[in-house]
Structure formats: structure tokens, C-alpha cells
ModelCIF file with pLDDT and N, C-alpha, C, O atoms, coordinates in Angstrom:
data_MODEL
#
_entry.id   MODEL 
#
_entity.id                         1 
_entity.type                       polymer 
_entity.pdbx_number_of_molecules   1 
#
_entity_poly.entity_id                      1 
_entity_poly.type                           'polypeptide(L)' 
_entity_poly.nstd_linkage                   no 
_entity_poly.nstd_monomer                   no 
_entity_poly.pdbx_seq_one_letter_code       AGCSLADACPADAFADFRRRHPDHVVVSYINCSAAVKAQSDLICT 
_entity_poly.pdbx_seq_one_letter_code_can   AGCSLADACPADAFADFRRRHPDHVVVSYINCSAAVKAQSDLICT 
_entity_poly.pdbx_strand_id                 A 
#
loop_
_entity_poly_seq.entity_id 
_entity_poly_seq.num 
_entity_poly_seq.mon_id 
_entity_poly_seq.hetero 
1 1  ALA n 
1 2  GLY n 
1 3  CYS n 
1 4  SER n 
1 5  LEU n 
1 6  ALA n 
1 7  ASP n 
1 8  ALA n 
1 9  CYS n 
1 10 PRO n 
1 11 ALA n 
1 12 ASP n 
1 13 ALA n 
1 14 PHE n 
1 15 ALA n 
1 16 ASP n 
1 17 PHE n 
1 18 ARG n 
1 19 ARG n 
1 20 ARG n 
1 21 HIS n 
1 22 PRO n 
1 23 ASP n 
1 24 HIS n 
1 25 VAL n 
1 26 VAL n 
1 27 VAL n 
1 28 SER n 
1 29 TYR n 
1 30 ILE n 
1 31 ASN n 
1 32 CYS n 
1 33 SER n 
1 34 ALA n 
1 35 ALA n 
1 36 VAL n 
1 37 LYS n 
1 38 ALA n 
1 39 GLN n 
1 40 SER n 
1 41 ASP n 
1 42 LEU n 
1 43 ILE n 
1 44 CYS n 
1 45 THR n 
#
_struct_asym.id          A 
_struct_asym.entity_id   1 
#
loop_
_ma_qa_metric.id 
_ma_qa_metric.mode 
_ma_qa_metric.name 
_ma_qa_metric.software_group_id 
_ma_qa_metric.type 
1 global pLDDT . pLDDT 
2 local  pLDDT . pLDDT 
#
_ma_qa_metric_global.metric_id      1 
_ma_qa_metric_global.metric_value   96.76 
_ma_qa_metric_global.model_id       1 
_ma_qa_metric_global.ordinal_id     1 
#
loop_
_ma_qa_metric_local.label_asym_id 
_ma_qa_metric_local.label_comp_id 
_ma_qa_metric_local.label_seq_id 
_ma_qa_metric_local.metric_id 
_ma_qa_metric_local.metric_value 
_ma_qa_metric_local.model_id 
_ma_qa_metric_local.ordinal_id 
A ALA 1  2 95.00 1 1  
A GLY 2  2 94.00 1 2  
A CYS 3  2 94.00 1 3  
A SER 4  2 92.00 1 4  
A LEU 5  2 93.00 1 5  
A ALA 6  2 95.00 1 6  
A ASP 7  2 95.00 1 7  
A ALA 8  2 94.00 1 8  
A CYS 9  2 97.00 1 9  
A PRO 10 2 97.00 1 10 
A ALA 11 2 98.00 1 11 
A ASP 12 2 98.00 1 12 
A ALA 13 2 98.00 1 13 
A PHE 14 2 98.00 1 14 
A ALA 15 2 98.00 1 15 
A ASP 16 2 98.00 1 16 
A PHE 17 2 97.00 1 17 
A ARG 18 2 97.00 1 18 
A ARG 19 2 97.00 1 19 
A ARG 20 2 97.00 1 20 
A HIS 21 2 97.00 1 21 
A PRO 22 2 95.00 1 22 
A ASP 23 2 96.00 1 23 
A HIS 24 2 98.00 1 24 
A VAL 25 2 98.00 1 25 
A VAL 26 2 98.00 1 26 
A VAL 27 2 98.00 1 27 
A SER 28 2 98.00 1 28 
A TYR 29 2 97.00 1 29 
A ILE 30 2 96.00 1 30 
A ASN 31 2 96.00 1 31 
A CYS 32 2 97.00 1 32 
A SER 33 2 97.00 1 33 
A ALA 34 2 97.00 1 34 
A ALA 35 2 98.00 1 35 
A VAL 36 2 98.00 1 36 
A LYS 37 2 98.00 1 37 
A ALA 38 2 98.00 1 38 
A GLN 39 2 98.00 1 39 
A SER 40 2 98.00 1 40 
A ASP 41 2 98.00 1 41 
A LEU 42 2 98.00 1 42 
A ILE 43 2 98.00 1 43 
A CYS 44 2 97.00 1 44 
A THR 45 2 95.00 1 45 
#
loop_
_atom_site.group_PDB 
_atom_site.id 
_atom_site.type_symbol 
_atom_site.label_atom_id 
_atom_site.label_alt_id 
_atom_site.label_comp_id 
_atom_site.label_asym_id 
_atom_site.label_entity_id 
_atom_site.label_seq_id 
_atom_site.pdbx_PDB_ins_code 
_atom_site.Cartn_x 
_atom_site.Cartn_y 
_atom_site.Cartn_z 
_atom_site.occupancy 
_atom_site.B_iso_or_equiv 
_atom_site.pdbx_formal_charge 
_atom_site.auth_seq_id 
_atom_site.auth_comp_id 
_atom_site.auth_asym_id 
_atom_site.auth_atom_id 
_atom_site.pdbx_PDB_model_num 
ATOM 1   N N  . ALA A 1 1  ? 131.624 143.363 -52.245 1.00 95.00 ? 1  ALA A N  1 
ATOM 2   C CA . ALA A 1 1  ? 131.400 142.307 -53.241 1.00 95.00 ? 1  ALA A CA 1 
ATOM 3   C C  . ALA A 1 1  ? 130.036 142.513 -53.873 1.00 95.00 ? 1  ALA A C  1 
ATOM 4   O O  . ALA A 1 1  ? 129.036 141.947 -53.434 1.00 95.00 ? 1  ALA A O  1 
ATOM 5   N N  . GLY A 1 2  ? 130.017 143.332 -54.909 1.00 94.00 ? 2  GLY A N  1 
ATOM 6   C CA . GLY A 1 2  ? 128.774 143.684 -55.580 1.00 94.00 ? 2  GLY A CA 1 
ATOM 7   C C  . GLY A 1 2  ? 128.536 142.856 -56.830 1.00 94.00 ? 2  GLY A C  1 
ATOM 8   O O  . GLY A 1 2  ? 128.984 141.712 -56.916 1.00 94.00 ? 2  GLY A O  1 
ATOM 9   N N  . CYS A 1 3  ? 127.834 143.430 -57.799 1.00 94.00 ? 3  CYS A N  1 
ATOM 10  C CA . CYS A 1 3  ? 127.487 142.721 -59.026 1.00 94.00 ? 3  CYS A CA 1 
ATOM 11  C C  . CYS A 1 3  ? 127.231 143.748 -60.115 1.00 94.00 ? 3  CYS A C  1 
ATOM 12  O O  . CYS A 1 3  ? 126.479 144.699 -59.904 1.00 94.00 ? 3  CYS A O  1 
ATOM 13  N N  . SER A 1 4  ? 127.842 143.569 -61.269 1.00 92.00 ? 4  SER A N  1 
ATOM 14  C CA . SER A 1 4  ? 127.670 144.531 -62.354 1.00 92.00 ? 4  SER A CA 1 
ATOM 15  C C  . SER A 1 4  ? 126.223 144.578 -62.835 1.00 92.00 ? 4  SER A C  1 
ATOM 16  O O  . SER A 1 4  ? 125.745 145.638 -63.240 1.00 92.00 ? 4  SER A O  1 
ATOM 17  N N  . LEU A 1 5  ? 125.520 143.451 -62.797 1.00 93.00 ? 5  LEU A N  1 
ATOM 18  C CA . LEU A 1 5  ? 124.121 143.442 -63.196 1.00 93.00 ? 5  LEU A CA 1 
ATOM 19  C C  . LEU A 1 5  ? 123.265 144.260 -62.233 1.00 93.00 ? 5  LEU A C  1 
ATOM 20  O O  . LEU A 1 5  ? 122.453 145.083 -62.656 1.00 93.00 ? 5  LEU A O  1 
ATOM 21  N N  . ALA A 1 6  ? 123.455 144.028 -60.937 1.00 95.00 ? 6  ALA A N  1 
ATOM 22  C CA . ALA A 1 6  ? 122.686 144.771 -59.944 1.00 95.00 ? 6  ALA A CA 1 
ATOM 23  C C  . ALA A 1 6  ? 123.007 146.263 -60.007 1.00 95.00 ? 6  ALA A C  1 
ATOM 24  O O  . ALA A 1 6  ? 122.111 147.100 -59.899 1.00 95.00 ? 6  ALA A O  1 
ATOM 25  N N  . ASP A 1 7  ? 124.282 146.591 -60.180 1.00 95.00 ? 7  ASP A N  1 
ATOM 26  C CA . ASP A 1 7  ? 124.683 147.999 -60.244 1.00 95.00 ? 7  ASP A CA 1 
ATOM 27  C C  . ASP A 1 7  ? 124.099 148.697 -61.462 1.00 95.00 ? 7  ASP A C  1 
ATOM 28  O O  . ASP A 1 7  ? 123.823 149.896 -61.415 1.00 95.00 ? 7  ASP A O  1 
ATOM 29  N N  . ALA A 1 8  ? 123.909 147.962 -62.553 1.00 94.00 ? 8  ALA A N  1 
ATOM 30  C CA . ALA A 1 8  ? 123.419 148.555 -63.796 1.00 94.00 ? 8  ALA A CA 1 
ATOM 31  C C  . ALA A 1 8  ? 121.901 148.710 -63.826 1.00 94.00 ? 8  ALA A C  1 
ATOM 32  O O  . ALA A 1 8  ? 121.341 149.148 -64.830 1.00 94.00 ? 8  ALA A O  1 
ATOM 33  N N  . CYS A 1 9  ? 121.243 148.355 -62.740 1.00 97.00 ? 9  CYS A N  1 
ATOM 34  C CA . CYS A 1 9  ? 119.783 148.465 -62.679 1.00 97.00 ? 9  CYS A CA 1 
ATOM 35  C C  . CYS A 1 9  ? 119.375 149.174 -61.398 1.00 97.00 ? 9  CYS A C  1 
ATOM 36  O O  . CYS A 1 9  ? 118.855 148.531 -60.485 1.00 97.00 ? 9  CYS A O  1 
ATOM 37  N N  . PRO A 1 10 ? 119.597 150.489 -61.304 1.00 97.00 ? 10 PRO A N  1 
ATOM 38  C CA . PRO A 1 10 ? 119.221 151.236 -60.100 1.00 97.00 ? 10 PRO A CA 1 
ATOM 39  C C  . PRO A 1 10 ? 117.707 151.219 -59.893 1.00 97.00 ? 10 PRO A C  1 
ATOM 40  O O  . PRO A 1 10 ? 116.936 151.242 -60.852 1.00 97.00 ? 10 PRO A O  1 
ATOM 41  N N  . ALA A 1 11 ? 117.303 151.179 -58.644 1.00 98.00 ? 11 ALA A N  1 
ATOM 42  C CA . ALA A 1 11 ? 115.881 151.037 -58.325 1.00 98.00 ? 11 ALA A CA 1 
ATOM 43  C C  . ALA A 1 11 ? 115.037 152.173 -58.881 1.00 98.00 ? 11 ALA A C  1 
ATOM 44  O O  . ALA A 1 11 ? 113.926 151.929 -59.351 1.00 98.00 ? 11 ALA A O  1 
ATOM 45  N N  . ASP A 1 12 ? 115.536 153.422 -58.842 1.00 98.00 ? 12 ASP A N  1 
ATOM 46  C CA . ASP A 1 12 ? 114.734 154.536 -59.332 1.00 98.00 ? 12 ASP A CA 1 
ATOM 47  C C  . ASP A 1 12 ? 114.570 154.486 -60.850 1.00 98.00 ? 12 ASP A C  1 
ATOM 48  O O  . ASP A 1 12 ? 113.485 154.754 -61.367 1.00 98.00 ? 12 ASP A O  1 
ATOM 49  N N  . ALA A 1 13 ? 115.650 154.140 -61.571 1.00 98.00 ? 13 ALA A N  1 
ATOM 50  C CA . ALA A 1 13 ? 115.558 154.001 -63.025 1.00 98.00 ? 13 ALA A CA 1 
ATOM 51  C C  . ALA A 1 13 ? 114.653 152.829 -63.408 1.00 98.00 ? 13 ALA A C  1 
ATOM 52  O O  . ALA A 1 13 ? 113.926 152.891 -64.400 1.00 98.00 ? 13 ALA A O  1 
ATOM 53  N N  . PHE A 1 14 ? 114.708 151.768 -62.613 1.00 98.00 ? 14 PHE A N  1 
ATOM 54  C CA . PHE A 1 14 ? 113.853 150.617 -62.881 1.00 98.00 ? 14 PHE A CA 1 
ATOM 55  C C  . PHE A 1 14 ? 112.384 150.984 -62.664 1.00 98.00 ? 14 PHE A C  1 
ATOM 56  O O  . PHE A 1 14 ? 111.510 150.526 -63.401 1.00 98.00 ? 14 PHE A O  1 
ATOM 57  N N  . ALA A 1 15 ? 112.119 151.802 -61.662 1.00 98.00 ? 15 ALA A N  1 
ATOM 58  C CA . ALA A 1 15 ? 110.746 152.252 -61.415 1.00 98.00 ? 15 ALA A CA 1 
ATOM 59  C C  . ALA A 1 15 ? 110.212 153.035 -62.615 1.00 98.00 ? 15 ALA A C  1 
ATOM 60  O O  . ALA A 1 15 ? 109.052 152.872 -62.994 1.00 98.00 ? 15 ALA A O  1 
ATOM 61  N N  . ASP A 1 16 ? 111.044 153.874 -63.208 1.00 98.00 ? 16 ASP A N  1 
ATOM 62  C CA . ASP A 1 16 ? 110.639 154.609 -64.411 1.00 98.00 ? 16 ASP A CA 1 
ATOM 63  C C  . ASP A 1 16 ? 110.360 153.649 -65.569 1.00 98.00 ? 16 ASP A C  1 
ATOM 64  O O  . ASP A 1 16 ? 109.397 153.829 -66.314 1.00 98.00 ? 16 ASP A O  1 
ATOM 65  N N  . PHE A 1 17 ? 111.199 152.641 -65.711 1.00 97.00 ? 17 PHE A N  1 
ATOM 66  C CA . PHE A 1 17 ? 111.038 151.638 -66.756 1.00 97.00 ? 17 PHE A CA 1 
ATOM 67  C C  . PHE A 1 17 ? 109.709 150.906 -66.585 1.00 97.00 ? 17 PHE A C  1 
ATOM 68  O O  . PHE A 1 17 ? 108.988 150.687 -67.559 1.00 97.00 ? 17 PHE A O  1 
ATOM 69  N N  . ARG A 1 18 ? 109.393 150.537 -65.372 1.00 97.00 ? 18 ARG A N  1 
ATOM 70  C CA . ARG A 1 18 ? 108.133 149.850 -65.079 1.00 97.00 ? 18 ARG A CA 1 
ATOM 71  C C  . ARG A 1 18 ? 106.932 150.735 -65.408 1.00 97.00 ? 18 ARG A C  1 
ATOM 72  O O  . ARG A 1 18 ? 105.929 150.260 -65.942 1.00 97.00 ? 18 ARG A O  1 
ATOM 73  N N  . ARG A 1 19 ? 107.042 152.029 -65.084 1.00 97.00 ? 19 ARG A N  1 
ATOM 74  C CA . ARG A 1 19 ? 105.926 152.934 -65.342 1.00 97.00 ? 19 ARG A CA 1 
ATOM 75  C C  . ARG A 1 19 ? 105.620 153.058 -66.836 1.00 97.00 ? 19 ARG A C  1 
ATOM 76  O O  . ARG A 1 19 ? 104.488 153.339 -67.230 1.00 97.00 ? 19 ARG A O  1 
ATOM 77  N N  . ARG A 1 20 ? 106.648 152.844 -67.658 1.00 97.00 ? 20 ARG A N  1 
ATOM 78  C CA . ARG A 1 20 ? 106.434 152.911 -69.112 1.00 97.00 ? 20 ARG A CA 1 
ATOM 79  C C  . ARG A 1 20 ? 105.815 151.615 -69.648 1.00 97.00 ? 20 ARG A C  1 
ATOM 80  O O  . ARG A 1 20 ? 105.429 151.548 -70.815 1.00 97.00 ? 20 ARG A O  1 
ATOM 81  N N  . HIS A 1 21 ? 105.720 150.591 -68.800 1.00 97.00 ? 21 HIS A N  1 
ATOM 82  C CA . HIS A 1 21 ? 105.140 149.302 -69.193 1.00 97.00 ? 21 HIS A CA 1 
ATOM 83  C C  . HIS A 1 21 ? 104.170 148.827 -68.103 1.00 97.00 ? 21 HIS A C  1 
ATOM 84  O O  . HIS A 1 21 ? 104.380 147.774 -67.501 1.00 97.00 ? 21 HIS A O  1 
ATOM 85  N N  . PRO A 1 22 ? 103.127 149.592 -67.856 1.00 95.00 ? 22 PRO A N  1 
ATOM 86  C CA . PRO A 1 22 ? 102.269 149.322 -66.687 1.00 95.00 ? 22 PRO A CA 1 
ATOM 87  C C  . PRO A 1 22 ? 101.488 148.015 -66.759 1.00 95.00 ? 22 PRO A C  1 
ATOM 88  O O  . PRO A 1 22 ? 101.058 147.504 -65.725 1.00 95.00 ? 22 PRO A O  1 
ATOM 89  N N  . ASP A 1 23 ? 101.294 147.460 -67.960 1.00 96.00 ? 23 ASP A N  1 
ATOM 90  C CA . ASP A 1 23 ? 100.503 146.237 -68.089 1.00 96.00 ? 23 ASP A CA 1 
ATOM 91  C C  . ASP A 1 23 ? 101.343 144.975 -68.066 1.00 96.00 ? 23 ASP A C  1 
ATOM 92  O O  . ASP A 1 23 ? 100.809 143.873 -68.196 1.00 96.00 ? 23 ASP A O  1 
ATOM 93  N N  . HIS A 1 24 ? 102.668 145.123 -67.901 1.00 98.00 ? 24 HIS A N  1 
ATOM 94  C CA . HIS A 1 24 ? 103.575 143.980 -67.972 1.00 98.00 ? 24 HIS A CA 1 
ATOM 95  C C  . HIS A 1 24 ? 103.721 143.259 -66.625 1.00 98.00 ? 24 HIS A C  1 
ATOM 96  O O  . HIS A 1 24 ? 103.696 143.881 -65.564 1.00 98.00 ? 24 HIS A O  1 
ATOM 97  N N  . VAL A 1 25 ? 103.871 141.939 -66.697 1.00 98.00 ? 25 VAL A N  1 
ATOM 98  C CA . VAL A 1 25 ? 104.331 141.168 -65.537 1.00 98.00 ? 25 VAL A CA 1 
ATOM 99  C C  . VAL A 1 25 ? 105.834 141.395 -65.420 1.00 98.00 ? 25 VAL A C  1 
ATOM 100 O O  . VAL A 1 25 ? 106.565 141.258 -66.402 1.00 98.00 ? 25 VAL A O  1 
ATOM 101 N N  . VAL A 1 26 ? 106.298 141.746 -64.212 1.00 98.00 ? 26 VAL A N  1 
ATOM 102 C CA . VAL A 1 26 ? 107.707 142.073 -64.014 1.00 98.00 ? 26 VAL A CA 1 
ATOM 103 C C  . VAL A 1 26 ? 108.449 140.855 -63.468 1.00 98.00 ? 26 VAL A C  1 
ATOM 104 O O  . VAL A 1 26 ? 108.235 140.436 -62.331 1.00 98.00 ? 26 VAL A O  1 
ATOM 105 N N  . VAL A 1 27 ? 109.325 140.298 -64.302 1.00 98.00 ? 27 VAL A N  1 
ATOM 106 C CA . VAL A 1 27 ? 110.157 139.165 -63.905 1.00 98.00 ? 27 VAL A CA 1 
ATOM 107 C C  . VAL A 1 27 ? 111.586 139.664 -63.780 1.00 98.00 ? 27 VAL A C  1 
ATOM 108 O O  . VAL A 1 27 ? 112.174 140.129 -64.756 1.00 98.00 ? 27 VAL A O  1 
ATOM 109 N N  . SER A 1 28 ? 112.142 139.567 -62.584 1.00 98.00 ? 28 SER A N  1 
ATOM 110 C CA . SER A 1 28 ? 113.509 140.038 -62.355 1.00 98.00 ? 28 SER A CA 1 
ATOM 111 C C  . SER A 1 28 ? 114.425 138.865 -62.027 1.00 98.00 ? 28 SER A C  1 
ATOM 112 O O  . SER A 1 28 ? 114.130 138.027 -61.175 1.00 98.00 ? 28 SER A O  1 
ATOM 113 N N  . TYR A 1 29 ? 115.536 138.843 -62.730 1.00 97.00 ? 29 TYR A N  1 
ATOM 114 C CA . TYR A 1 29 ? 116.604 137.892 -62.442 1.00 97.00 ? 29 TYR A CA 1 
ATOM 115 C C  . TYR A 1 29 ? 117.105 138.168 -61.029 1.00 97.00 ? 29 TYR A C  1 
ATOM 116 O O  . TYR A 1 29 ? 117.162 139.323 -60.607 1.00 97.00 ? 29 TYR A O  1 
ATOM 117 N N  . ILE A 1 30 ? 117.458 137.143 -60.313 1.00 96.00 ? 30 ILE A N  1 
ATOM 118 C CA . ILE A 1 30 ? 117.841 137.288 -58.909 1.00 96.00 ? 30 ILE A CA 1 
ATOM 119 C C  . ILE A 1 30 ? 119.069 138.175 -58.726 1.00 96.00 ? 30 ILE A C  1 
ATOM 120 O O  . ILE A 1 30 ? 119.322 138.664 -57.625 1.00 96.00 ? 30 ILE A O  1 
ATOM 121 N N  . ASN A 1 31 ? 119.832 138.386 -59.794 1.00 96.00 ? 31 ASN A N  1 
ATOM 122 C CA . ASN A 1 31 ? 121.013 139.257 -59.764 1.00 96.00 ? 31 ASN A CA 1 
ATOM 123 C C  . ASN A 1 31 ? 120.596 140.721 -59.795 1.00 96.00 ? 31 ASN A C  1 
ATOM 124 O O  . ASN A 1 31 ? 120.940 141.444 -60.730 1.00 96.00 ? 31 ASN A O  1 
ATOM 125 N N  . CYS A 1 32 ? 119.870 141.155 -58.799 1.00 97.00 ? 32 CYS A N  1 
ATOM 126 C CA . CYS A 1 32 ? 119.434 142.544 -58.685 1.00 97.00 ? 32 CYS A CA 1 
ATOM 127 C C  . CYS A 1 32 ? 119.301 142.887 -57.208 1.00 97.00 ? 32 CYS A C  1 
ATOM 128 O O  . CYS A 1 32 ? 119.321 142.002 -56.352 1.00 97.00 ? 32 CYS A O  1 
ATOM 129 N N  . SER A 1 33 ? 119.168 144.164 -56.918 1.00 97.00 ? 33 SER A N  1 
ATOM 130 C CA . SER A 1 33 ? 119.104 144.613 -55.527 1.00 97.00 ? 33 SER A CA 1 
ATOM 131 C C  . SER A 1 33 ? 117.752 144.273 -54.894 1.00 97.00 ? 33 SER A C  1 
ATOM 132 O O  . SER A 1 33 ? 116.782 143.967 -55.587 1.00 97.00 ? 33 SER A O  1 
ATOM 133 N N  . ALA A 1 34 ? 117.714 144.336 -53.571 1.00 97.00 ? 34 ALA A N  1 
ATOM 134 C CA . ALA A 1 34 ? 116.461 144.114 -52.846 1.00 97.00 ? 34 ALA A CA 1 
ATOM 135 C C  . ALA A 1 34 ? 115.414 145.137 -53.258 1.00 97.00 ? 34 ALA A C  1 
ATOM 136 O O  . ALA A 1 34 ? 114.227 144.813 -53.315 1.00 97.00 ? 34 ALA A O  1 
ATOM 137 N N  . ALA A 1 35 ? 115.834 146.370 -53.546 1.00 98.00 ? 35 ALA A N  1 
ATOM 138 C CA . ALA A 1 35 ? 114.902 147.426 -53.937 1.00 98.00 ? 35 ALA A CA 1 
ATOM 139 C C  . ALA A 1 35 ? 114.267 147.139 -55.294 1.00 98.00 ? 35 ALA A C  1 
ATOM 140 O O  . ALA A 1 35 ? 113.116 147.508 -55.530 1.00 98.00 ? 35 ALA A O  1 
ATOM 141 N N  . VAL A 1 36 ? 115.004 146.485 -56.186 1.00 98.00 ? 36 VAL A N  1 
ATOM 142 C CA . VAL A 1 36 ? 114.429 146.081 -57.474 1.00 98.00 ? 36 VAL A CA 1 
ATOM 143 C C  . VAL A 1 36 ? 113.543 144.853 -57.299 1.00 98.00 ? 36 VAL A C  1 
ATOM 144 O O  . VAL A 1 36 ? 112.481 144.761 -57.915 1.00 98.00 ? 36 VAL A O  1 
ATOM 145 N N  . LYS A 1 37 ? 113.971 143.914 -56.466 1.00 98.00 ? 37 LYS A N  1 
ATOM 146 C CA . LYS A 1 37 ? 113.117 142.755 -56.180 1.00 98.00 ? 37 LYS A CA 1 
ATOM 147 C C  . LYS A 1 37 ? 111.771 143.207 -55.621 1.00 98.00 ? 37 LYS A C  1 
ATOM 148 O O  . LYS A 1 37 ? 110.734 142.619 -55.929 1.00 98.00 ? 37 LYS A O  1 
ATOM 149 N N  . ALA A 1 38 ? 111.794 144.251 -54.804 1.00 98.00 ? 38 ALA A N  1 
ATOM 150 C CA . ALA A 1 38 ? 110.569 144.747 -54.178 1.00 98.00 ? 38 ALA A CA 1 
ATOM 151 C C  . ALA A 1 38 ? 109.581 145.299 -55.207 1.00 98.00 ? 38 ALA A C  1 
ATOM 152 O O  . ALA A 1 38 ? 108.389 145.408 -54.920 1.00 98.00 ? 38 ALA A O  1 
ATOM 153 N N  . GLN A 1 39 ? 110.057 145.642 -56.382 1.00 98.00 ? 39 GLN A N  1 
ATOM 154 C CA . GLN A 1 39 ? 109.205 146.172 -57.446 1.00 98.00 ? 39 GLN A CA 1 
ATOM 155 C C  . GLN A 1 39 ? 108.776 145.090 -58.437 1.00 98.00 ? 39 GLN A C  1 
ATOM 156 O O  . GLN A 1 39 ? 108.115 145.391 -59.431 1.00 98.00 ? 39 GLN A O  1 
ATOM 157 N N  . SER A 1 40 ? 109.143 143.844 -58.176 1.00 98.00 ? 40 SER A N  1 
ATOM 158 C CA . SER A 1 40 ? 108.943 142.762 -59.134 1.00 98.00 ? 40 SER A CA 1 
ATOM 159 C C  . SER A 1 40 ? 107.749 141.891 -58.753 1.00 98.00 ? 40 SER A C  1 
ATOM 160 O O  . SER A 1 40 ? 107.351 141.810 -57.591 1.00 98.00 ? 40 SER A O  1 
ATOM 161 N N  . ASP A 1 41 ? 107.198 141.246 -59.772 1.00 98.00 ? 41 ASP A N  1 
ATOM 162 C CA . ASP A 1 41 ? 106.123 140.284 -59.539 1.00 98.00 ? 41 ASP A CA 1 
ATOM 163 C C  . ASP A 1 41 ? 106.664 138.883 -59.301 1.00 98.00 ? 41 ASP A C  1 
ATOM 164 O O  . ASP A 1 41 ? 106.048 138.076 -58.605 1.00 98.00 ? 41 ASP A O  1 
ATOM 165 N N  . LEU A 1 42 ? 107.826 138.606 -59.888 1.00 98.00 ? 42 LEU A N  1 
ATOM 166 C CA . LEU A 1 42 ? 108.396 137.266 -59.802 1.00 98.00 ? 42 LEU A CA 1 
ATOM 167 C C  . LEU A 1 42 ? 109.908 137.363 -59.946 1.00 98.00 ? 42 LEU A C  1 
ATOM 168 O O  . LEU A 1 42 ? 110.410 138.096 -60.798 1.00 98.00 ? 42 LEU A O  1 
ATOM 169 N N  . ILE A 1 43 ? 110.631 136.623 -59.112 1.00 98.00 ? 43 ILE A N  1 
ATOM 170 C CA . ILE A 1 43 ? 112.086 136.521 -59.225 1.00 98.00 ? 43 ILE A CA 1 
ATOM 171 C C  . ILE A 1 43 ? 112.396 135.195 -59.909 1.00 98.00 ? 43 ILE A C  1 
ATOM 172 O O  . ILE A 1 43 ? 111.671 134.213 -59.746 1.00 98.00 ? 43 ILE A O  1 
ATOM 173 N N  . CYS A 1 44 ? 113.484 135.180 -60.678 1.00 97.00 ? 44 CYS A N  1 
ATOM 174 C CA . CYS A 1 44 ? 113.909 133.939 -61.315 1.00 97.00 ? 44 CYS A CA 1 
ATOM 175 C C  . CYS A 1 44 ? 115.414 133.806 -61.214 1.00 97.00 ? 44 CYS A C  1 
ATOM 176 O O  . CYS A 1 44 ? 116.107 134.764 -60.870 1.00 97.00 ? 44 CYS A O  1 
ATOM 177 N N  . THR A 1 45 ? 115.914 132.635 -61.510 1.00 95.00 ? 45 THR A N  1 
ATOM 178 C CA . THR A 1 45 ? 117.345 132.403 -61.651 1.00 95.00 ? 45 THR A CA 1 
ATOM 179 C C  . THR A 1 45 ? 117.568 131.823 -63.045 1.00 95.00 ? 45 THR A C  1 
ATOM 180 O O  . THR A 1 45 ? 118.705 131.535 -63.418 1.00 95.00 ? 45 THR A O  1 
#
């Protein structure tokens, strides 16, 4: 029982995305994997 949103945001690709925006605050919707949450500054719903 997965989630299309979580599947569409792999942790390694998200890490690359973050590196291209190093000065940004990272807000991740709760519909993501633990590995993406671990790279975030704030989770939201």
C-alpha cells in the first residue's frame, strides 16, 4: 500500500533537487518517504 506522490519523489533525485536550491527552506508534504522527510526542514499536511 504505497503512494503515487511518494513514489514520484525518490530520495536520491530529491537530494539533487535540493542541491540546486541550497538557500531554500525545504517544506515537504507528509505524502513522501521517510528518506525524503529526513532531507526536509519542515513537514506539512
